[in-house]
Amino acid sequence: MTQRFFRLWIVLVIGVVLVACAAPAAAPSAEQPTGAARAGEKQVLDLWFNSDDLFNQYNEKIIASFEAANPDIDIVYSPYPNEAYKTTLQVAIGSDDPPDIFFNWAGDDTGRYVREGHLLDLTAYAAQYNWGDQLSPAMLAAFSVADEVYGVPYSQEAKYFYYHIDLFDEMGLTVPTTFDELLALCTKVSDAGMPALAFGNQERWEGVHYMSIFNQKVVGEDTLAADYSLSNDADTLFADPNYAEAFRRLQAMQAAGCFGNAINSTTPDAALIQFVNKQTPMYYQGTWIMGSLKDNGLEGQYGMFRMPPMTDDTVKGNQNYVLAGPVGLEISIKTPYPDAAAKFLDFYISKESQMALLVDTNHIPVRADAVDRAKAASSVVAVVDDLAAAEGTAFWLDVVLENSISEVYLNSIQEVLAGTKTPEEAMQAVREQALKVKAEIDQ
């Protein structure tokens, strides 16, 4: 779920002392990973990250603290913007010189690299450093395949509607409690001469977030689990008519005036600027923008709410799910220094680092003991409480699905929004690609 240079994260002026989390020494065993450096050898690790300017500042602080505590290890940090990161990593991961440590999403983004043999199995390190007891079990499980750990989550990112409180007051708007009320709100704002929501789908991932939560709410969790995992048989795979109905919910928002013009050619950065400049009263976006809103003087001036529940008889999903997904760090199987790389991962998700993550960037930690409610921004505390109240999590569709199926979905969303493809045609294209992938897997 994981991102733009404009997202300038929140920096609160409080003292946070970062200390190295030295794990208790583990007794050597046949299952214990190897890779310790020879005496006096400098261990140099490349760290690649999908990051922006303010998160770079956080990472550089963490790296400096780690290197001070571990003078025999150097971290060479390489940040990338979102789209460049995805393509660059895909090329590098299979090369002879991949990054030692790198940012990645859970779901099939991790599963694909496991299948291709690119990731180091971290199960023994998880036991050595006791990650299972320190981190959210669900978040750690999201980076596990067949009960083996291949990544360490450091943050959970969730999706909400952000709204300007003053614009809502001026326009006589109230927070919608149902999806129908959301459509009525959009119509009211559109009739007043502005789009209700900022929306930038040029890079396609904003659109897929809408469809991710619509699929969960309309199609239902059981069907999604069987289809996304390709475990349904060929006759039923992605054949549920409610998939097309989920697309029609997106069309209903478009028809109600929720979105402006040229959304498929608008970047997410431009959409964020529109919201910050109050050219729209709302923006459906991830928790990663909260730091940027703070940096632009909007802390305390905006509210947040989830995609509201759908109340008609056709929906099959639990309406108390939140759209979210963990992001984390993984290690290349080709690293010459697996012990040093795992030591950095443990430092990165230590309590002190997680507390700094929350304070410096407004990212939601995966450690419950890292949330200082007295020091965290009120918006962050509200998200933490809301995530705890949710009955389940819908993950980003483009992260959960096999990559080629995801690509068809991403393109089809743009085509439905452009009016060049119907919901039924979109789902037929998805189904055809899913059947091809399933047939290859079943051979």
Protein backbone atom coordinates (compact mmCIF):
# COMPACT_ATOMS: atom_id res chain seq x y z
CA MET A 1 0.00 0.00 0.00
CA THR A 2 3.56 2.97 0.10
CA GLN A 3 5.63 8.18 -1.71
CA ARG A 4 5.87 11.62 -3.25
CA PHE A 5 8.39 14.45 -2.96
CA PHE A 6 5.64 16.89 -1.97
CA ARG A 7 4.73 14.89 1.13
CA LEU A 8 6.77 16.86 3.64
CA TRP A 9 6.37 14.93 6.83
CA ILE A 10 5.66 16.41 10.26
CA VAL A 11 8.63 17.26 12.46
CA LEU A 12 7.68 17.91 16.09
CA VAL A 13 10.28 19.57 18.26
CA ILE A 14 10.79 17.02 21.01
CA GLY A 15 13.86 15.16 22.15
CA VAL A 16 14.04 11.60 20.94
CA VAL A 17 17.21 9.70 21.72
CA LEU A 18 17.88 6.91 19.25
CA VAL A 19 19.84 4.07 20.75
CA ALA A 20 20.97 0.82 19.27
CA CYS A 21 18.72 -2.10 20.11
CA ALA A 22 21.24 -4.80 20.79
CA ALA A 23 19.42 -8.12 20.78
CA PRO A 24 20.47 -10.84 23.20
CA ALA A 25 23.13 -13.02 21.65
CA ALA A 26 21.61 -16.14 20.15
CA ALA A 27 23.28 -19.49 20.57
CA PRO A 28 24.73 -20.75 17.30
CA SER A 29 22.74 -23.52 15.62
CA ALA A 30 22.45 -25.23 12.30
CA GLU A 31 19.49 -22.98 11.47
CA GLN A 32 21.18 -19.74 12.52
CA PRO A 33 21.96 -17.47 9.52
CA THR A 34 25.62 -16.97 8.73
CA GLY A 35 27.39 -13.98 7.26
CA ALA A 36 29.48 -12.34 9.95
CA ALA A 37 32.33 -10.19 8.72
CA ARG A 38 35.96 -11.04 9.31
CA ALA A 39 37.72 -9.13 12.06
CA GLY A 40 38.42 -5.54 11.00
CA GLU A 41 36.40 -5.83 7.79
CA LYS A 42 34.16 -2.86 6.95
CA GLN A 43 30.67 -4.02 6.04
CA VAL A 44 29.02 -1.77 3.46
CA LEU A 45 25.27 -2.19 2.88
CA ASP A 46 23.21 -0.52 0.16
CA LEU A 47 19.78 0.66 1.35
CA TRP A 48 17.19 1.53 -1.30
CA PHE A 49 14.02 3.36 -0.30
CA ASN A 50 10.78 4.65 -1.82
CA SER A 51 10.91 8.00 -0.09
CA ASP A 52 10.47 11.77 -0.16
CA ASP A 53 12.47 14.68 1.21
CA LEU A 54 11.21 14.70 4.78
CA PHE A 55 11.24 10.92 5.16
CA ASN A 56 14.80 11.05 3.83
CA GLN A 57 15.68 13.25 6.80
CA TYR A 58 14.25 10.64 9.14
CA ASN A 59 16.12 7.81 7.42
CA GLU A 60 19.38 9.74 7.48
CA LYS A 61 18.96 10.30 11.22
CA ILE A 62 18.30 6.62 11.83
CA ILE A 63 21.28 5.62 9.68
CA ALA A 64 23.59 8.04 11.52
CA SER A 65 22.50 6.63 14.88
CA PHE A 66 22.96 3.06 13.70
CA GLU A 67 26.41 3.74 12.26
CA ALA A 68 27.49 5.49 15.47
CA ALA A 69 26.52 2.39 17.45
CA ASN A 70 28.00 0.04 14.83
CA PRO A 71 31.20 1.64 13.45
CA ASP A 72 32.05 -1.50 11.48
CA ILE A 73 28.91 -1.09 9.29
CA ASP A 74 28.30 1.60 6.65
CA ILE A 75 24.85 2.17 5.17
CA VAL A 76 24.81 3.68 1.66
CA TYR A 77 21.39 5.27 1.31
CA SER A 78 19.64 5.65 -2.08
CA PRO A 79 16.13 7.18 -2.06
CA TYR A 80 13.84 7.11 -5.11
CA PRO A 81 10.45 8.63 -5.95
CA ASN A 82 7.60 6.13 -6.17
CA GLU A 83 7.34 5.27 -9.88
CA ALA A 84 11.11 5.36 -10.43
CA TYR A 85 11.61 3.12 -7.40
CA LYS A 86 9.25 0.41 -8.61
CA THR A 87 10.86 0.08 -12.04
CA THR A 88 14.46 0.46 -10.81
CA LEU A 89 14.06 -2.17 -8.08
CA GLN A 90 12.44 -4.68 -10.45
CA VAL A 91 15.51 -4.48 -12.69
CA ALA A 92 18.08 -4.48 -9.89
CA ILE A 93 16.60 -7.26 -7.77
CA GLY A 94 17.46 -9.93 -10.34
CA SER A 95 20.87 -8.55 -11.22
CA ASP A 96 24.28 -9.56 -9.87
CA ASP A 97 24.40 -6.43 -7.72
CA PRO A 98 21.00 -5.87 -6.04
CA PRO A 99 20.63 -3.58 -3.01
CA ASP A 100 21.37 -5.37 0.26
CA ILE A 101 18.32 -3.87 2.02
CA PHE A 102 15.29 -2.35 0.34
CA PHE A 103 11.81 -1.00 0.92
CA ASN A 104 8.92 -3.16 -0.25
CA TRP A 105 5.19 -3.67 0.09
CA ALA A 106 3.54 -6.77 1.52
CA GLY A 107 1.31 -9.09 -0.53
CA ASP A 108 2.39 -10.25 -3.97
CA ASP A 109 5.12 -7.60 -4.20
CA THR A 110 6.86 -9.69 -1.54
CA GLY A 111 5.45 -13.05 -2.67
CA ARG A 112 6.73 -12.61 -6.23
CA TYR A 113 10.29 -11.95 -5.03
CA VAL A 114 10.06 -15.00 -2.77
CA ARG A 115 8.93 -17.18 -5.68
CA GLU A 116 11.76 -15.84 -7.83
CA GLY A 117 14.32 -16.58 -5.10
CA HIS A 118 15.45 -12.99 -4.47
CA LEU A 119 14.73 -12.62 -0.75
CA LEU A 120 16.66 -13.79 2.29
CA ASP A 121 14.64 -15.95 4.68
CA LEU A 122 14.56 -13.95 7.93
CA THR A 123 12.82 -16.56 10.09
CA ALA A 124 15.89 -17.32 12.22
CA TYR A 125 16.59 -13.60 12.66
CA ALA A 126 12.96 -13.04 13.68
CA ALA A 127 13.49 -15.60 16.45
CA GLN A 128 16.89 -14.18 17.41
CA TYR A 129 15.58 -10.62 17.73
CA ASN A 130 12.14 -11.60 19.06
CA TRP A 131 10.23 -9.72 16.37
CA GLY A 132 7.16 -11.90 16.86
CA ASP A 133 6.56 -10.52 20.36
CA GLN A 134 7.47 -6.91 19.55
CA LEU A 135 5.54 -6.24 16.35
CA SER A 136 1.91 -6.45 15.34
CA PRO A 137 1.35 -10.16 14.51
CA ALA A 138 -0.88 -9.30 11.55
CA MET A 139 1.72 -6.92 10.11
CA LEU A 140 4.55 -9.46 10.48
CA ALA A 141 2.35 -12.15 8.92
CA ALA A 142 1.83 -9.88 5.90
CA PHE A 143 5.55 -10.27 5.15
CA SER A 144 5.54 -14.04 5.66
CA VAL A 145 5.15 -16.80 3.08
CA ALA A 146 4.43 -20.39 4.17
CA ASP A 147 5.17 -19.37 7.77
CA GLU A 148 8.63 -18.10 6.86
CA VAL A 149 9.48 -14.42 7.43
CA TYR A 150 10.84 -12.49 4.44
CA GLY A 151 10.43 -8.88 5.55
CA VAL A 152 10.05 -6.64 8.58
CA PRO A 153 7.14 -4.18 8.61
CA TYR A 154 7.84 -0.74 10.02
CA SER A 155 4.60 1.13 9.29
CA GLN A 156 0.93 0.61 8.51
CA GLU A 157 -0.50 3.07 6.00
CA ALA A 158 -4.26 3.58 5.88
CA LYS A 159 -6.62 5.46 3.55
CA TYR A 160 -9.08 8.16 4.65
CA PHE A 161 -11.11 11.06 3.33
CA TYR A 162 -9.48 14.29 4.50
CA TYR A 163 -11.71 17.36 4.61
CA HIS A 164 -11.26 21.05 5.37
CA ILE A 165 -13.34 21.83 8.45
CA ASP A 166 -13.79 25.49 7.50
CA LEU A 167 -15.00 24.65 3.97
CA PHE A 168 -17.46 22.14 5.35
CA ASP A 169 -18.80 24.81 7.72
CA GLU A 170 -19.02 27.45 4.98
CA MET A 171 -20.82 25.11 2.59
CA GLY A 172 -23.11 23.59 5.20
CA LEU A 173 -21.64 20.10 4.74
CA THR A 174 -21.64 17.27 7.25
CA VAL A 175 -19.53 14.13 7.36
CA PRO A 176 -21.40 11.42 5.42
CA THR A 177 -22.36 8.32 7.35
CA THR A 178 -23.30 6.23 4.27
CA PHE A 179 -22.07 5.96 0.71
CA ASP A 180 -25.32 7.48 -0.55
CA GLU A 181 -24.74 10.48 1.69
CA LEU A 182 -21.25 10.81 0.21
CA LEU A 183 -22.75 10.95 -3.29
CA ALA A 184 -25.24 13.60 -2.17
CA LEU A 185 -22.42 15.64 -0.64
CA CYS A 186 -20.47 15.46 -3.91
CA THR A 187 -23.47 16.69 -5.85
CA LYS A 188 -23.94 19.61 -3.49
CA VAL A 189 -20.30 20.67 -3.79
CA SER A 190 -20.30 20.19 -7.57
CA ASP A 191 -23.42 22.31 -7.91
CA ALA A 192 -21.55 25.03 -6.01
CA GLY A 193 -18.91 25.08 -8.75
CA MET A 194 -15.99 22.93 -7.53
CA PRO A 195 -15.10 19.24 -7.53
CA ALA A 196 -15.71 17.63 -4.17
CA LEU A 197 -12.52 15.60 -4.21
CA ALA A 198 -8.96 16.03 -5.39
CA PHE A 199 -8.06 13.01 -7.51
CA GLY A 200 -4.86 12.36 -9.46
CA ASN A 201 -4.88 9.03 -11.30
CA GLN A 202 -2.09 9.60 -13.81
CA GLU A 203 0.07 7.01 -12.04
CA ARG A 204 -3.01 4.75 -11.60
CA TRP A 205 -2.56 3.90 -7.92
CA GLU A 206 -5.08 6.45 -6.62
CA GLY A 207 -7.79 4.84 -8.72
CA VAL A 208 -6.88 1.35 -7.58
CA HIS A 209 -7.32 2.43 -3.97
CA TYR A 210 -10.96 3.26 -4.66
CA MET A 211 -11.48 -0.13 -6.30
CA SER A 212 -9.65 -1.92 -3.48
CA ILE A 213 -12.17 -0.77 -0.87
CA PHE A 214 -15.14 -1.03 -3.27
CA ASN A 215 -14.29 -4.66 -4.01
CA GLN A 216 -14.12 -5.45 -0.30
CA LYS A 217 -17.39 -3.70 0.48
CA VAL A 218 -19.36 -4.92 -2.55
CA VAL A 219 -17.88 -8.32 -3.48
CA GLY A 220 -17.05 -9.54 0.02
CA GLU A 221 -14.02 -10.96 1.78
CA ASP A 222 -14.52 -14.67 1.02
CA THR A 223 -14.82 -14.21 -2.73
CA LEU A 224 -11.90 -11.79 -2.80
CA ALA A 225 -9.66 -14.19 -0.89
CA ALA A 226 -10.38 -17.03 -3.33
CA ASP A 227 -10.02 -14.87 -6.45
CA TYR A 228 -7.00 -12.81 -5.40
CA SER A 229 -5.13 -16.02 -4.47
CA LEU A 230 -6.27 -17.66 -7.75
CA SER A 231 -7.63 -20.62 -5.75
CA ASN A 232 -11.13 -20.40 -7.27
CA ASP A 233 -11.77 -22.79 -10.15
CA ALA A 234 -11.76 -21.52 -13.72
CA ASP A 235 -15.56 -21.31 -13.95
CA THR A 236 -15.86 -18.91 -11.02
CA LEU A 237 -12.54 -17.03 -11.04
CA PHE A 238 -13.33 -13.29 -11.03
CA ALA A 239 -16.80 -14.15 -12.40
CA ASP A 240 -18.87 -12.68 -9.55
CA PRO A 241 -21.10 -9.94 -11.07
CA ASN A 242 -20.49 -7.79 -8.01
CA TYR A 243 -17.00 -6.97 -9.36
CA ALA A 244 -18.70 -4.98 -12.12
CA GLU A 245 -21.01 -3.52 -9.50
CA ALA A 246 -17.96 -2.30 -7.59
CA PHE A 247 -16.84 -0.48 -10.74
CA ARG A 248 -20.28 1.10 -10.95
CA ARG A 249 -19.75 2.61 -7.49
CA LEU A 250 -16.73 4.41 -8.92
CA GLN A 251 -18.84 5.56 -11.85
CA ALA A 252 -21.52 6.75 -9.42
CA MET A 253 -18.98 8.96 -7.67
CA GLN A 254 -17.89 10.37 -11.03
CA ALA A 255 -21.50 11.04 -12.07
CA ALA A 256 -22.23 12.76 -8.75
CA GLY A 257 -19.47 15.31 -9.36
CA CYS A 258 -17.04 13.91 -6.83
CA PHE A 259 -14.12 14.22 -9.27
CA GLY A 260 -12.92 17.04 -11.46
CA ASN A 261 -11.86 16.88 -15.09
CA ALA A 262 -8.76 15.18 -16.52
CA ILE A 263 -8.24 12.96 -13.49
CA ASN A 264 -6.28 10.39 -15.54
CA SER A 265 -3.76 13.07 -16.51
CA THR A 266 -3.50 14.63 -13.04
CA THR A 267 -0.62 13.51 -10.82
CA PRO A 268 -1.09 12.69 -7.13
CA ASP A 269 1.25 15.59 -6.31
CA ALA A 270 -1.00 17.99 -8.21
CA ALA A 271 -4.07 16.56 -6.46
CA LEU A 272 -2.45 17.12 -3.08
CA ILE A 273 -1.66 20.73 -4.02
CA GLN A 274 -5.31 21.23 -5.01
CA PHE A 275 -6.44 20.03 -1.60
CA VAL A 276 -3.82 22.00 0.33
CA ASN A 277 -4.82 25.16 -1.58
CA LYS A 278 -8.51 24.47 -0.79
CA GLN A 279 -9.51 24.08 -4.41
CA THR A 280 -11.44 21.03 -3.22
CA PRO A 281 -12.96 20.42 0.21
CA MET A 282 -11.92 16.74 0.31
CA TYR A 283 -9.16 14.33 -0.71
CA TYR A 284 -9.19 10.51 -0.42
CA GLN A 285 -5.59 9.74 0.40
CA GLY A 286 -3.24 7.80 2.66
CA THR A 287 -1.99 8.61 6.13
CA TRP A 288 1.36 9.45 4.56
CA ILE A 289 0.12 12.96 3.67
CA MET A 290 -0.50 14.01 7.29
CA GLY A 291 3.04 15.31 7.64
CA SER A 292 2.64 17.40 4.51
CA LEU A 293 -0.62 18.86 5.83
CA LYS A 294 1.15 19.77 9.05
CA ASP A 295 4.02 21.34 7.13
CA ASN A 296 1.51 23.45 5.21
CA GLY A 297 -0.05 24.79 8.41
CA LEU A 298 -3.17 22.61 8.29
CA GLU A 299 -2.70 20.55 11.44
CA GLY A 300 -5.89 20.77 13.49
CA GLN A 301 -7.79 22.31 10.57
CA TYR A 302 -8.88 19.14 8.84
CA GLY A 303 -10.98 16.12 9.73
CA MET A 304 -10.84 12.52 8.53
CA PHE A 305 -13.33 9.75 7.90
CA ARG A 306 -13.28 6.31 6.30
CA MET A 307 -15.01 5.31 3.08
CA PRO A 308 -18.56 5.24 4.47
CA PRO A 309 -20.58 2.02 4.60
CA MET A 310 -22.84 0.92 1.76
CA THR A 311 -26.33 0.03 2.91
CA ASP A 312 -28.06 -1.45 -0.15
CA ASP A 313 -28.93 -5.15 -0.40
CA THR A 314 -26.41 -5.97 -3.13
CA VAL A 315 -23.27 -5.53 -1.03
CA LYS A 316 -21.69 -8.61 0.52
CA GLY A 317 -18.70 -7.28 2.43
CA ASN A 318 -18.17 -6.30 6.05
CA GLN A 319 -18.71 -2.53 6.10
CA ASN A 320 -16.41 -2.02 9.11
CA TYR A 321 -13.17 -2.70 7.22
CA VAL A 322 -10.46 -0.10 6.72
CA LEU A 323 -8.29 0.21 3.62
CA ALA A 324 -4.69 -0.16 4.74
CA GLY A 325 -1.46 -2.03 4.21
CA PRO A 326 1.95 -2.44 5.83
CA VAL A 327 5.26 -1.42 4.29
CA GLY A 328 8.59 -2.83 5.34
CA LEU A 329 12.23 -3.67 4.67
CA GLU A 330 13.62 -6.81 3.06
CA ILE A 331 17.09 -8.24 2.46
CA SER A 332 18.51 -9.58 -0.78
CA ILE A 333 19.55 -13.23 -0.72
CA LYS A 334 22.78 -12.09 -2.43
CA THR A 335 23.94 -9.77 0.34
CA PRO A 336 27.43 -10.68 1.59
CA TYR A 337 26.53 -9.43 5.07
CA PRO A 338 23.17 -10.90 6.14
CA ASP A 339 23.95 -10.58 9.87
CA ALA A 340 24.72 -6.87 9.56
CA ALA A 341 21.65 -6.30 7.37
CA ALA A 342 19.38 -8.06 9.88
CA LYS A 343 20.94 -6.03 12.68
CA PHE A 344 19.97 -2.85 10.83
CA LEU A 345 16.41 -4.10 10.36
CA ASP A 346 16.15 -4.76 14.08
CA PHE A 347 17.43 -1.25 14.81
CA TYR A 348 14.98 0.22 12.31
CA ILE A 349 11.97 -1.31 14.07
CA SER A 350 13.21 -0.82 17.64
CA LYS A 351 10.93 1.01 20.06
CA GLU A 352 13.07 4.16 19.92
CA SER A 353 13.15 4.20 16.10
CA GLN A 354 9.40 3.57 15.92
CA MET A 355 8.74 6.41 18.35
CA ALA A 356 10.84 8.71 16.16
CA LEU A 357 9.00 7.46 13.07
CA LEU A 358 5.70 8.57 14.56
CA VAL A 359 6.96 11.93 15.78
CA ASP A 360 9.06 12.83 12.74
CA THR A 361 6.88 11.55 9.92
CA ASN A 362 3.36 10.80 11.24
CA HIS A 363 3.67 7.26 9.91
CA ILE A 364 1.76 4.75 12.00
CA PRO A 365 4.14 2.38 13.85
CA VAL A 366 3.66 -1.38 13.95
CA ARG A 367 4.70 -1.41 17.61
CA ALA A 368 1.97 -0.54 20.10
CA ASP A 369 4.57 0.55 22.67
CA ALA A 370 5.85 3.26 20.30
CA VAL A 371 2.69 5.38 20.34
CA ASP A 372 3.06 8.20 22.88
CA ARG A 373 -0.45 9.61 22.88
CA ALA A 374 0.62 12.70 24.78
CA LYS A 375 3.16 13.70 22.14
CA ALA A 376 1.62 12.40 18.91
CA ALA A 377 -0.53 14.67 16.74
CA SER A 378 -4.24 14.38 17.41
CA SER A 379 -4.84 13.19 13.84
CA VAL A 380 -2.38 10.34 14.35
CA VAL A 381 -4.02 9.30 17.61
CA ALA A 382 -7.40 9.32 15.84
CA VAL A 383 -6.05 6.99 13.15
CA VAL A 384 -4.52 4.62 15.70
CA ASP A 385 -7.87 4.44 17.52
CA ASP A 386 -9.81 3.98 14.29
CA LEU A 387 -7.56 1.16 13.10
CA ALA A 388 -8.10 -0.57 16.43
CA ALA A 389 -11.89 -0.23 16.01
CA ALA A 390 -11.95 -1.73 12.50
CA GLU A 391 -13.07 -5.35 12.18
CA GLY A 392 -10.66 -6.08 9.37
CA THR A 393 -8.26 -4.68 6.80
CA ALA A 394 -8.66 -4.48 3.03
CA PHE A 395 -5.21 -4.41 1.42
CA TRP A 396 -4.29 -2.47 -1.71
CA LEU A 397 -5.49 -4.42 -4.74
CA ASP A 398 -2.31 -3.78 -6.74
CA VAL A 399 -0.21 -5.19 -3.90
CA VAL A 400 -2.29 -8.30 -3.26
CA LEU A 401 -2.81 -9.42 -6.88
CA GLU A 402 -0.26 -11.14 -9.09
CA ASN A 403 1.57 -8.41 -10.99
CA SER A 404 0.25 -8.99 -14.53
CA ILE A 405 -3.36 -9.18 -13.27
CA SER A 406 -2.79 -6.01 -11.29
CA GLU A 407 -1.58 -4.25 -14.44
CA VAL A 408 -4.79 -5.15 -16.28
CA TYR A 409 -6.84 -3.89 -13.34
CA LEU A 410 -4.91 -0.61 -13.16
CA ASN A 411 -5.35 0.07 -16.86
CA SER A 412 -9.02 -0.92 -16.79
CA ILE A 413 -9.74 1.55 -13.99
CA GLN A 414 -8.35 4.37 -16.11
CA GLU A 415 -10.42 3.19 -19.07
CA VAL A 416 -13.65 3.01 -17.07
CA LEU A 417 -13.03 6.52 -15.72
CA ALA A 418 -12.35 7.72 -19.28
CA GLY A 419 -15.57 6.09 -20.51
CA THR A 420 -13.79 3.85 -23.03
CA LYS A 421 -14.58 0.59 -21.25
CA THR A 422 -17.66 -0.61 -19.37
CA PRO A 423 -17.42 -2.27 -15.94
CA GLU A 424 -18.29 -5.60 -17.56
CA GLU A 425 -15.57 -5.19 -20.20
CA ALA A 426 -13.09 -4.23 -17.50
CA MET A 427 -13.81 -7.35 -15.48
CA GLN A 428 -13.71 -9.55 -18.58
CA ALA A 429 -10.16 -8.30 -19.22
CA VAL A 430 -9.20 -8.99 -15.60
CA ARG A 431 -10.76 -12.43 -15.68
CA GLU A 432 -8.99 -13.39 -18.92
CA GLN A 433 -5.60 -12.43 -17.51
CA ALA A 434 -6.32 -14.23 -14.23
CA LEU A 435 -7.22 -17.40 -16.13
CA LYS A 436 -3.94 -17.22 -18.07
CA VAL A 437 -1.92 -16.86 -14.87
CA LYS A 438 -3.85 -19.62 -13.12
CA ALA A 439 -3.30 -21.97 -16.06
CA GLU A 440 0.45 -21.32 -15.92
CA ILE A 441 0.53 -21.94 -12.18
CA ASP A 442 -1.50 -25.14 -12.43
CA GLN A 443 0.73 -26.69 -15.10
